[in-house]
Protein backbone atom coordinates (compact mmCIF):
# COMPACT_ATOMS: atom_id res chain seq x y z
CA MET A 1 21.16 -12.22 30.08
CA THR A 2 22.95 -10.71 27.08
CA PRO A 3 22.07 -7.25 25.72
CA THR A 4 20.43 -8.84 22.68
CA ILE A 5 18.19 -11.15 24.72
CA GLN A 6 17.39 -8.33 27.14
CA LEU A 7 16.30 -5.98 24.36
CA ALA A 8 14.29 -8.72 22.65
CA SER A 9 12.51 -9.38 25.94
CA ASP A 10 11.82 -5.68 26.47
CA LEU A 11 10.28 -5.49 22.99
CA ILE A 12 8.16 -8.61 23.52
CA ARG A 13 6.68 -7.05 26.69
CA ARG A 14 5.11 -4.33 24.55
CA LYS A 15 1.74 -5.51 23.23
CA SER A 16 2.26 -4.23 19.69
CA VAL A 17 -0.56 -5.96 17.82
CA THR A 18 -0.94 -4.45 14.32
CA PRO A 19 -0.91 -1.49 13.88
CA ASP A 20 -0.13 -0.51 17.47
CA ASP A 21 3.59 0.02 18.09
CA ALA A 22 2.97 0.09 21.86
CA GLY A 23 6.26 1.85 22.60
CA CYS A 24 8.66 -0.44 20.75
CA MET A 25 9.98 2.28 18.47
CA PRO A 26 10.88 4.76 21.24
CA LEU A 27 12.86 1.98 22.89
CA MET A 28 14.83 1.37 19.70
CA LEU A 29 15.20 5.06 18.85
CA GLU A 30 16.68 5.88 22.24
CA ARG A 31 19.41 3.30 21.68
CA LEU A 32 20.10 4.39 18.10
CA GLU A 33 20.25 8.10 18.92
CA LYS A 34 22.90 7.39 21.56
CA ILE A 35 25.23 6.06 18.87
CA GLY A 36 24.77 8.91 16.44
CA PHE A 37 21.67 8.06 14.39
CA GLU A 38 19.49 10.92 13.18
CA THR A 39 15.88 9.80 13.47
CA THR A 40 12.60 10.77 11.81
CA HIS A 41 9.20 9.64 13.06
CA LEU A 42 6.79 9.11 10.16
CA ARG A 43 3.18 8.68 11.25
CA ARG A 44 0.90 7.65 8.39
CA GLY A 45 -2.76 6.99 9.15
CA ASP A 46 -2.83 4.81 12.26
CA THR A 47 0.66 3.46 11.57
CA ASP A 48 3.93 4.48 13.20
CA ASN A 49 7.09 4.29 11.13
CA PHE A 50 10.59 5.59 11.54
CA TRP A 51 13.68 6.20 9.46
CA ALA A 52 16.99 6.42 11.29
CA GLU A 53 20.31 7.10 9.60
CA ARG A 54 23.95 7.30 10.68
CA LYS A 55 26.39 8.89 8.25
CA GLY A 56 29.90 7.57 8.02
CA SER A 57 33.01 9.56 7.25
CA GLY A 58 33.67 8.14 3.79
CA GLU A 59 32.08 7.01 0.57
CA GLY A 60 30.09 3.83 0.58
CA PRO A 61 26.65 2.33 0.18
CA LEU A 62 23.47 3.19 2.05
CA PHE A 63 22.77 -0.01 3.95
CA ALA A 64 19.39 -0.32 5.66
CA PHE A 65 17.98 -2.74 8.21
CA ALA A 66 14.23 -3.11 7.61
CA GLY A 67 11.68 -4.62 9.94
CA HIS A 68 8.44 -4.32 11.84
CA THR A 69 7.47 -3.94 15.47
CA ASP A 70 3.89 -5.17 15.01
CA VAL A 71 2.84 -8.74 15.72
CA VAL A 72 -0.21 -10.83 14.87
CA PRO A 73 -2.96 -11.40 17.47
CA THR A 74 -2.29 -14.12 20.02
CA GLY A 75 -5.59 -15.97 19.91
CA PRO A 76 -6.90 -17.26 23.26
CA GLU A 77 -4.14 -16.49 25.73
CA GLU A 78 -5.16 -19.44 27.92
CA ASN A 79 -3.80 -21.71 25.18
CA TRP A 80 -0.29 -20.33 25.66
CA ARG A 81 2.32 -22.03 27.78
CA HIS A 82 3.19 -18.60 29.19
CA PRO A 83 1.40 -15.25 28.82
CA PRO A 84 2.34 -14.14 25.28
CA PHE A 85 3.57 -10.67 26.26
CA GLU A 86 5.50 -11.80 29.33
CA PRO A 87 8.79 -13.15 27.91
CA VAL A 88 10.08 -16.24 29.64
CA ILE A 89 13.22 -18.29 29.04
CA GLU A 90 12.54 -21.94 29.83
CA ASP A 91 14.98 -24.74 28.99
CA GLY A 92 16.93 -22.33 26.80
CA ILE A 93 13.85 -21.25 24.80
CA LEU A 94 12.61 -17.64 24.74
CA TYR A 95 8.81 -17.63 24.59
CA GLY A 96 6.67 -14.65 23.59
CA ARG A 97 4.67 -13.22 20.73
CA GLY A 98 7.15 -11.70 18.31
CA ALA A 99 10.17 -13.65 19.58
CA ALA A 100 10.73 -14.98 16.06
CA ASP A 101 8.67 -12.54 14.00
CA MET A 102 10.45 -10.26 14.45
CA LYS A 103 11.44 -8.69 17.74
CA GLY A 104 14.40 -11.02 18.10
CA SER A 105 15.74 -9.68 14.80
CA LEU A 106 15.11 -6.05 15.79
CA ALA A 107 17.09 -6.52 18.99
CA ALA A 108 19.92 -8.19 17.09
CA MET A 109 20.01 -5.31 14.58
CA VAL A 110 20.26 -2.63 17.27
CA VAL A 111 22.94 -4.39 19.31
CA ALA A 112 24.91 -5.24 16.14
CA CYS A 113 24.98 -1.56 15.26
CA GLU A 114 26.06 -0.60 18.77
CA GLU A 115 28.99 -3.00 18.56
CA PHE A 116 29.92 -2.02 15.00
CA VAL A 117 29.84 1.72 15.68
CA ALA A 118 31.89 1.27 18.85
CA ALA A 119 34.55 -0.52 16.82
CA HIS A 120 34.27 1.69 13.71
CA PRO A 121 32.96 5.15 14.61
CA ASP A 122 34.27 6.47 11.27
CA HIS A 123 32.85 3.70 9.11
CA SER A 124 32.23 4.33 5.42
CA GLY A 125 28.80 4.78 3.84
CA ARG A 126 25.59 5.08 5.82
CA ILE A 127 23.62 2.76 8.10
CA ALA A 128 19.85 3.13 8.28
CA PHE A 129 16.78 1.60 9.87
CA LEU A 130 13.38 1.47 8.15
CA ILE A 131 10.88 0.26 10.75
CA THR A 132 7.08 0.03 10.57
CA SER A 133 4.18 -1.12 12.74
CA ASP A 134 2.06 -2.21 9.74
CA GLU A 135 3.69 -5.26 8.20
CA GLU A 136 1.36 -7.91 9.57
CA GLY A 137 -1.74 -5.92 8.61
CA PRO A 138 -2.80 -4.22 5.37
CA ALA A 139 0.73 -2.82 4.86
CA ALA A 140 -0.85 0.28 3.34
CA ASP A 141 0.70 2.93 5.60
CA GLY A 142 3.94 1.25 6.53
CA THR A 143 7.09 0.50 4.55
CA VAL A 144 5.49 1.55 1.26
CA LYS A 145 4.93 5.07 2.67
CA VAL A 146 8.47 5.35 4.00
CA VAL A 147 9.81 4.30 0.58
CA GLU A 148 7.64 6.98 -1.04
CA TRP A 149 9.03 9.54 1.45
CA LEU A 150 12.60 8.49 0.62
CA GLU A 151 11.90 8.74 -3.11
CA GLU A 152 10.55 12.27 -2.64
CA ARG A 153 13.82 13.16 -0.94
CA GLY A 154 15.88 11.57 -3.70
CA GLU A 155 17.23 8.89 -1.34
CA LYS A 156 18.05 5.43 -2.66
CA ILE A 157 18.79 2.40 -0.49
CA ASP A 158 21.66 0.41 -1.98
CA CYS A 159 21.47 -2.67 0.22
CA CYS A 160 18.66 -3.74 2.53
CA LEU A 161 18.51 -6.55 5.05
CA VAL A 162 15.00 -7.48 6.17
CA GLY A 163 14.89 -9.29 9.50
CA GLU A 164 12.17 -11.76 8.58
CA PRO A 165 12.61 -15.23 10.12
CA SER A 166 14.27 -16.93 7.16
CA SER A 167 15.98 -19.86 8.85
CA THR A 168 14.59 -23.39 8.70
CA ASP A 169 16.47 -25.64 11.13
CA ARG A 170 19.39 -23.54 12.36
CA VAL A 171 19.87 -19.81 12.44
CA GLY A 172 21.53 -18.75 9.19
CA ASP A 173 20.92 -21.99 7.29
CA VAL A 174 18.65 -20.18 4.80
CA ILE A 175 18.50 -16.61 3.54
CA LYS A 176 15.80 -15.29 1.27
CA ASN A 177 17.23 -13.49 -1.75
CA GLY A 178 13.85 -12.93 -3.35
CA ARG A 179 10.13 -13.58 -3.06
CA ARG A 180 7.39 -14.63 -5.42
CA GLY A 181 4.73 -12.16 -6.47
CA SER A 182 1.19 -12.43 -5.14
CA LEU A 183 -1.92 -11.87 -7.25
CA GLY A 184 -5.36 -12.34 -5.73
CA LEU A 185 -8.70 -12.87 -7.44
CA GLU A 186 -12.15 -12.33 -5.97
CA LEU A 187 -14.49 -14.02 -8.44
CA THR A 188 -18.29 -13.97 -8.37
CA VAL A 189 -20.21 -16.17 -10.81
CA PHE A 190 -23.91 -15.41 -11.24
CA GLY A 191 -26.70 -17.87 -11.92
CA VAL A 192 -30.44 -18.06 -11.29
CA GLN A 193 -31.71 -19.09 -7.86
CA GLY A 194 -34.40 -21.75 -7.74
CA HIS A 195 -35.75 -24.94 -6.20
CA VAL A 196 -33.49 -27.98 -6.44
CA ALA A 197 -36.46 -30.03 -7.63
CA TYR A 198 -36.88 -27.73 -10.65
CA PRO A 199 -33.35 -27.26 -12.00
CA HIS A 200 -34.72 -26.42 -15.46
CA LEU A 201 -36.11 -23.21 -13.97
CA ALA A 202 -32.78 -22.20 -12.43
CA GLU A 203 -29.11 -21.98 -13.33
CA ASN A 204 -26.63 -23.30 -10.81
CA PRO A 205 -23.48 -21.12 -10.84
CA VAL A 206 -21.55 -23.76 -8.89
CA HIS A 207 -22.07 -26.18 -11.75
CA THR A 208 -21.13 -23.65 -14.43
CA LEU A 209 -18.06 -22.55 -12.50
CA ALA A 210 -16.67 -26.03 -11.79
CA PRO A 211 -15.19 -26.76 -15.26
CA ALA A 212 -13.58 -23.32 -15.43
CA LEU A 213 -12.14 -23.72 -11.95
CA ALA A 214 -10.76 -27.13 -12.86
CA GLU A 215 -9.08 -25.62 -15.92
CA LEU A 216 -7.56 -22.79 -13.86
CA ALA A 217 -6.22 -25.32 -11.35
CA ALA A 218 -4.73 -27.51 -14.09
CA GLU A 219 -3.12 -24.67 -16.05
CA GLN A 220 0.68 -24.62 -16.28
CA TRP A 221 1.34 -20.91 -15.83
CA ASP A 222 5.11 -21.15 -16.30
CA ASN A 223 8.01 -23.46 -15.55
CA GLY A 224 9.83 -21.27 -13.04
CA ASN A 225 13.58 -20.73 -13.34
CA ASP A 226 16.82 -21.27 -11.48
CA PHE A 227 15.64 -19.12 -8.58
CA PHE A 228 11.86 -19.61 -8.51
CA PRO A 229 9.55 -22.63 -8.64
CA ALA A 230 6.76 -22.66 -11.22
CA THR A 231 3.92 -20.22 -10.59
CA SER A 232 1.20 -21.79 -8.46
CA PHE A 233 -2.57 -21.21 -8.39
CA GLN A 234 -4.68 -22.01 -5.34
CA VAL A 235 -8.34 -21.62 -4.36
CA SER A 236 -8.61 -20.49 -0.75
CA ASN A 237 -12.37 -19.89 -0.35
CA ILE A 238 -15.64 -20.93 -2.03
CA ASN A 239 -18.96 -19.62 -0.76
CA GLY A 240 -22.40 -20.14 -2.25
CA GLY A 241 -25.95 -20.97 -1.30
CA THR A 242 -28.49 -19.85 1.27
CA GLY A 243 -27.76 -22.59 3.78
CA ALA A 244 -30.89 -24.48 2.80
CA THR A 245 -30.61 -27.91 1.19
CA ASN A 246 -33.40 -27.31 -1.32
CA VAL A 247 -32.29 -24.03 -2.88
CA ILE A 248 -30.08 -23.68 -5.94
CA PRO A 249 -27.79 -20.69 -5.24
CA GLY A 250 -28.04 -17.53 -7.29
CA GLU A 251 -24.30 -16.85 -7.10
CA VAL A 252 -21.05 -18.36 -5.93
CA LYS A 253 -17.99 -16.46 -4.71
CA VAL A 254 -14.44 -17.76 -4.99
CA ILE A 255 -11.18 -16.34 -3.68
CA CYS A 256 -8.00 -17.46 -5.45
CA ASN A 257 -4.33 -16.59 -5.41
CA TRP A 258 -1.32 -16.91 -7.70
CA ARG A 259 2.20 -16.95 -6.28
CA PHE A 260 4.19 -16.13 -9.37
CA SER A 261 7.76 -16.11 -10.51
CA THR A 262 9.72 -13.62 -12.57
CA GLU A 263 8.85 -15.73 -15.62
CA THR A 264 5.43 -14.08 -15.89
CA THR A 265 3.63 -10.86 -14.92
CA ALA A 266 0.43 -10.05 -13.10
CA GLU A 267 -0.98 -8.63 -16.32
CA GLU A 268 -0.27 -11.86 -18.19
CA LEU A 269 -1.85 -13.96 -15.45
CA GLU A 270 -4.99 -11.83 -15.43
CA SER A 271 -5.29 -11.97 -19.21
CA ARG A 272 -4.93 -15.74 -19.32
CA ALA A 273 -7.36 -16.24 -16.43
CA ARG A 274 -10.00 -14.06 -18.09
CA LYS A 275 -9.56 -16.01 -21.34
CA ILE A 276 -10.27 -19.27 -19.48
CA LEU A 277 -13.31 -17.80 -17.72
CA ASP A 278 -14.65 -16.30 -20.95
CA GLY A 279 -14.19 -19.64 -22.68
CA HIS A 280 -16.80 -21.17 -20.38
CA ASP A 281 -19.43 -18.49 -21.10
CA LEU A 282 -19.73 -17.52 -17.46
CA ASN A 283 -21.67 -14.54 -16.19
CA TYR A 284 -19.04 -13.30 -13.78
CA ARG A 285 -17.35 -10.39 -12.04
CA ALA A 286 -13.61 -10.61 -11.41
CA ASN A 287 -11.61 -8.35 -9.13
CA PHE A 288 -7.85 -8.92 -9.43
CA LYS A 289 -5.60 -7.45 -6.75
CA LEU A 290 -1.80 -7.36 -6.94
CA SER A 291 -0.28 -7.60 -3.45
CA GLY A 292 3.33 -7.61 -4.54
CA GLN A 293 5.62 -8.08 -7.51
CA PRO A 294 8.25 -10.81 -7.44
CA PHE A 295 11.76 -9.63 -6.65
CA LEU A 296 15.17 -11.20 -6.80
CA THR A 297 18.70 -10.32 -5.76
CA ALA A 298 20.57 -12.96 -7.73
CA GLY A 299 24.01 -11.96 -6.47
CA GLY A 300 26.18 -8.97 -5.68
CA PRO A 301 27.81 -7.37 -2.65
CA LEU A 302 24.90 -7.87 -0.22
CA VAL A 303 24.40 -11.56 -0.97
CA GLU A 304 28.16 -12.12 -0.81
CA ALA A 305 28.53 -10.22 2.47
CA THR A 306 25.61 -12.13 4.01
CA GLN A 307 26.96 -15.50 2.93
CA ALA A 308 30.42 -14.61 4.25
CA ALA A 309 28.99 -13.37 7.58
CA ILE A 310 27.08 -16.60 8.16
CA LYS A 311 30.16 -18.64 7.26
CA THR A 312 32.25 -16.63 9.73
CA VAL A 313 29.78 -17.04 12.59
CA THR A 314 28.57 -20.62 12.07
CA GLY A 315 31.14 -22.19 9.75
CA GLU A 316 28.27 -23.33 7.52
CA THR A 317 27.32 -22.51 3.94
CA THR A 318 23.88 -20.93 3.74
CA GLN A 319 21.19 -21.77 1.22
CA LEU A 320 19.55 -19.15 -1.00
CA SER A 321 15.77 -19.40 -1.25
CA THR A 322 12.77 -17.52 -2.64
CA ALA A 323 10.16 -19.73 -0.94
CA GLY A 324 7.47 -18.59 1.45
CA GLY A 325 5.08 -15.69 1.49
CA THR A 326 5.61 -12.03 0.75
CA SER A 327 7.52 -9.51 2.86
CA ASP A 328 8.06 -5.78 2.93
CA GLY A 329 11.07 -6.41 0.71
CA ARG A 330 8.54 -6.22 -2.14
CA PHE A 331 8.25 -2.46 -1.56
CA ILE A 332 11.99 -1.86 -1.30
CA ALA A 333 13.38 -3.98 -4.14
CA PRO A 334 11.59 -2.06 -6.95
CA THR A 335 13.63 1.05 -6.05
CA GLY A 336 16.74 -0.77 -7.26
CA ALA A 337 17.97 -1.93 -3.85
CA GLN A 338 19.64 -5.26 -3.29
CA VAL A 339 17.44 -7.08 -0.74
CA VAL A 340 17.98 -10.18 1.39
CA GLU A 341 16.12 -11.56 4.38
CA LEU A 342 17.91 -13.11 7.34
CA GLY A 343 16.38 -13.92 10.69
CA PRO A 344 15.65 -16.65 13.24
CA VAL A 345 14.13 -20.08 12.67
CA ASN A 346 10.56 -19.69 11.45
CA ALA A 347 9.02 -22.88 12.87
CA THR A 348 6.73 -21.12 15.38
CA ILE A 349 5.85 -17.81 13.71
CA HIS A 350 2.20 -16.78 14.12
CA LYS A 351 1.61 -19.87 16.30
CA VAL A 352 0.62 -20.31 19.92
CA ASP A 353 3.81 -20.43 22.04
CA GLU A 354 5.91 -18.57 19.47
CA CYS A 355 9.54 -18.93 20.51
CA VAL A 356 13.20 -18.95 19.54
CA LYS A 357 16.26 -20.56 21.02
CA ALA A 358 17.68 -17.87 23.27
CA ASP A 359 21.17 -18.88 22.18
CA ASP A 360 20.27 -18.12 18.54
CA LEU A 361 19.85 -14.37 19.02
CA ASP A 362 23.48 -13.48 19.69
CA PRO A 363 24.78 -15.45 16.69
CA LEU A 364 22.15 -13.61 14.62
CA LYS A 365 23.47 -10.34 16.05
CA ASP A 366 27.00 -11.41 15.14
CA MET A 367 25.90 -12.14 11.56
CA TYR A 368 24.36 -8.68 11.25
CA ARG A 369 27.55 -7.09 12.63
CA GLU A 370 29.69 -9.09 10.21
CA ILE A 371 27.55 -7.92 7.29
CA LEU A 372 28.21 -4.34 8.37
CA GLU A 373 31.91 -5.18 8.59
CA GLY A 374 31.84 -6.57 5.07
CA LEU A 375 30.04 -3.60 3.50
CA LEU A 376 30.92 -0.51 5.55
CA ARG A 377 34.13 -0.98 7.48
């Protein structure tokens, strides 16, 4: 078993369901401190975070690996092929919660640094780790708090690699160089409850909402651009009624979400949505919540170093993508950092029997090491 697979397995054994780190960070910190990293534990609320930094001997960028030790709940463990926190390699596949998202990446980051520092103890610039146990949860006391702490200290990350599972079919075939923004809407439309046999004595909010909802769903919010698809709007929940078949509901609640490109802003989306709702004379309450701004690293040293590293390790040309959900990169990019995401194949993340090909973790480690070579040697 290689050092990367061994460390990934050791991390998987720790039941670090959000926001419990369950001892993952001490395991990583011990390894990093041995190779000259200065470490700071940053507890915020019920969330553990750490910042670790190794200073080189010359000028150069501050390059940070970012990631999370927390994992999502397993669901019924009897549905798993193997116990989710007992890593098993079977037919070349490493099973365990967090194997792909993202303990495999964390292990690859640590071992890549060990190899790079051994080869280049006097590297230029600085290498850092920004690790949280609150990425899969509310993300209120995790990366965003560490970024605030760095800003208070006047520290700026130049380049950041987030270890999210970006790959689609083969490790390194896709890197994320940006993400769409996420704007949520909790909408309540009020009517007048009554008997279904006497609709003239009631007002059905489901009926009054329907045309407005259809207009929201049909709206062309933007056309996207070379890096982002057009902004999308989706309804994820509708709830109304008492459960009885003969009662007109007094209110209906809808939860919606926009995944938006850099062609628009959250403020513009909210303004346009309210205009549509107001145009249907609804009695409503709307609570808009911005979960993350869109970000993009169109090019530059980090993208180039990542592309070159993947080419060196696999011989293949990687694809740039901004698809998928949000990541903690949304907290780091606004500081001015270049941000990319590179990690294992994402086919099984958050699923029962989460897994990765065991043979994918060392090539991932090699890619991370090559990125360090390209930026800090």
